[in-house]
């Protein structure tokens, strides 16, 4: 069984310039990179990924660092599965159809 204290969640938060068409293309390319390596979008500039080990999390973090756009600001946060399971999500009164990613249904 995978330990909730050894498995990790990686959160990537980023601010990328999107004033020009070229900047938007670069920002979309970075988002697509995150999706292609298995990240799930939590919010427009916040993506998460589940990893079974800290070593794997470190490797993924290093790979993200290599793909940061030149004018981007990116923060990579690491949480144990136990810590991440205490996350609470709140939504305003606006009625939107927000479904929990299938990934979370399998892990939580």
Protein backbone atom coordinates (compact mmCIF):
# COMPACT_ATOMS: atom_id res chain seq x y z
CA UNK A 1 0.00 0.00 0.00
CA UNK A 2 1.24 3.49 -0.83
CA UNK A 3 1.87 5.64 2.24
CA UNK A 4 -0.06 8.91 2.51
CA UNK A 5 3.06 10.38 4.07
CA UNK A 6 5.46 9.38 1.26
CA UNK A 7 3.33 9.88 -1.84
CA UNK A 8 3.26 13.46 -3.07
CA UNK A 9 1.09 15.98 -4.86
CA UNK A 10 2.80 18.57 -7.04
CA UNK A 11 1.06 21.90 -7.57
CA UNK A 12 2.31 24.21 -10.30
CA UNK A 13 1.15 27.83 -10.12
CA UNK A 14 2.21 30.22 -12.85
CA UNK A 15 1.92 33.72 -14.25
CA UNK A 16 2.77 34.04 -17.90
CA UNK A 17 2.44 37.17 -20.05
CA UNK A 18 -0.39 36.93 -22.59
CA UNK A 19 -0.51 40.42 -24.13
CA UNK A 20 0.65 39.43 -27.61
CA UNK A 21 -0.31 36.52 -29.82
CA UNK A 22 3.20 35.09 -29.44
CA UNK A 23 2.97 35.28 -25.64
CA UNK A 24 -0.45 33.55 -25.70
CA UNK A 25 0.99 30.81 -27.89
CA UNK A 26 3.89 30.31 -25.45
CA UNK A 27 1.50 30.25 -22.46
CA UNK A 28 -0.75 27.71 -24.19
CA UNK A 29 2.28 25.63 -25.06
CA UNK A 30 3.29 25.52 -21.39
CA UNK A 31 -0.26 24.56 -20.32
CA UNK A 32 -0.29 21.81 -22.94
CA UNK A 33 3.10 20.60 -21.71
CA UNK A 34 1.68 20.22 -18.19
CA UNK A 35 -1.38 18.36 -19.50
CA UNK A 36 0.75 16.09 -21.69
CA UNK A 37 2.89 14.96 -18.75
CA UNK A 38 -0.22 14.17 -16.71
CA UNK A 39 -1.13 17.31 -14.77
CA UNK A 40 -4.77 18.16 -14.09
CA UNK A 41 -6.03 21.75 -14.17
CA UNK A 42 -7.44 22.95 -10.83
CA UNK A 43 -7.74 26.59 -11.90
CA UNK A 44 -6.61 28.46 -14.99
CA UNK A 45 -3.02 28.83 -13.77
CA UNK A 46 -2.92 26.06 -11.17
CA UNK A 47 -2.23 22.45 -12.10
CA UNK A 48 -1.69 19.35 -9.95
CA UNK A 49 -0.09 15.95 -10.34
CA UNK A 50 0.00 12.88 -8.10
CA UNK A 51 3.31 11.08 -7.61
CA UNK A 52 3.98 7.91 -5.61
CA UNK A 53 7.40 9.00 -4.35
CA UNK A 54 9.35 12.12 -3.45
CA UNK A 55 12.12 11.10 -5.84
CA UNK A 56 9.67 11.03 -8.75
CA UNK A 57 8.24 14.38 -7.62
CA UNK A 58 11.72 15.91 -7.64
CA UNK A 59 12.36 14.59 -11.15
CA UNK A 60 9.07 16.04 -12.40
CA UNK A 61 9.89 19.38 -10.74
CA UNK A 62 13.29 19.42 -12.47
CA UNK A 63 11.64 18.73 -15.84
CA UNK A 64 9.16 21.57 -15.33
CA UNK A 65 12.03 23.91 -14.50
CA UNK A 66 13.61 23.05 -17.86
CA UNK A 67 10.37 24.02 -19.65
CA UNK A 68 9.66 27.39 -18.01
CA UNK A 69 9.00 30.09 -20.62
CA UNK A 70 11.59 32.90 -20.61
CA UNK A 71 9.25 35.54 -19.15
CA UNK A 72 7.30 33.22 -16.90
CA UNK A 73 7.00 33.08 -13.13
CA UNK A 74 6.34 29.57 -11.87
CA UNK A 75 6.02 28.17 -8.36
CA UNK A 76 6.18 24.43 -7.75
CA UNK A 77 4.71 23.30 -4.44
CA UNK A 78 5.05 19.81 -2.99
CA UNK A 79 2.58 18.29 -0.52
CA UNK A 80 2.31 14.83 0.96
CA UNK A 81 -0.89 13.00 0.07
CA UNK A 82 -1.97 13.36 3.70
CA UNK A 83 -1.53 17.14 3.61
CA UNK A 84 -3.26 17.46 0.23
CA UNK A 85 -6.23 15.40 1.46
CA UNK A 86 -7.03 18.23 3.89
CA UNK A 87 -7.59 20.66 1.00
CA UNK A 88 -10.98 22.35 1.00
CA UNK A 89 -12.52 23.83 -2.13
CA UNK A 90 -15.22 26.49 -1.99
CA UNK A 91 -17.26 27.97 -4.79
CA UNK A 92 -19.35 31.13 -4.88
CA UNK A 93 -23.04 31.26 -5.64
CA UNK A 94 -22.49 31.29 -9.38
CA UNK A 95 -23.91 28.03 -10.72
CA UNK A 96 -21.26 26.30 -12.76
CA UNK A 97 -20.88 22.66 -13.59
CA UNK A 98 -17.57 21.83 -11.93
CA UNK A 99 -16.81 18.15 -11.84
CA UNK A 100 -14.03 16.67 -9.79
CA UNK A 101 -11.36 15.24 -12.08
CA UNK A 102 -11.63 11.47 -12.39
CA UNK A 103 -8.08 11.24 -11.08
CA UNK A 104 -9.22 12.54 -7.69
CA UNK A 105 -12.15 10.14 -7.49
CA UNK A 106 -9.74 7.22 -7.72
CA UNK A 107 -7.29 8.54 -5.16
CA UNK A 108 -9.39 10.15 -2.44
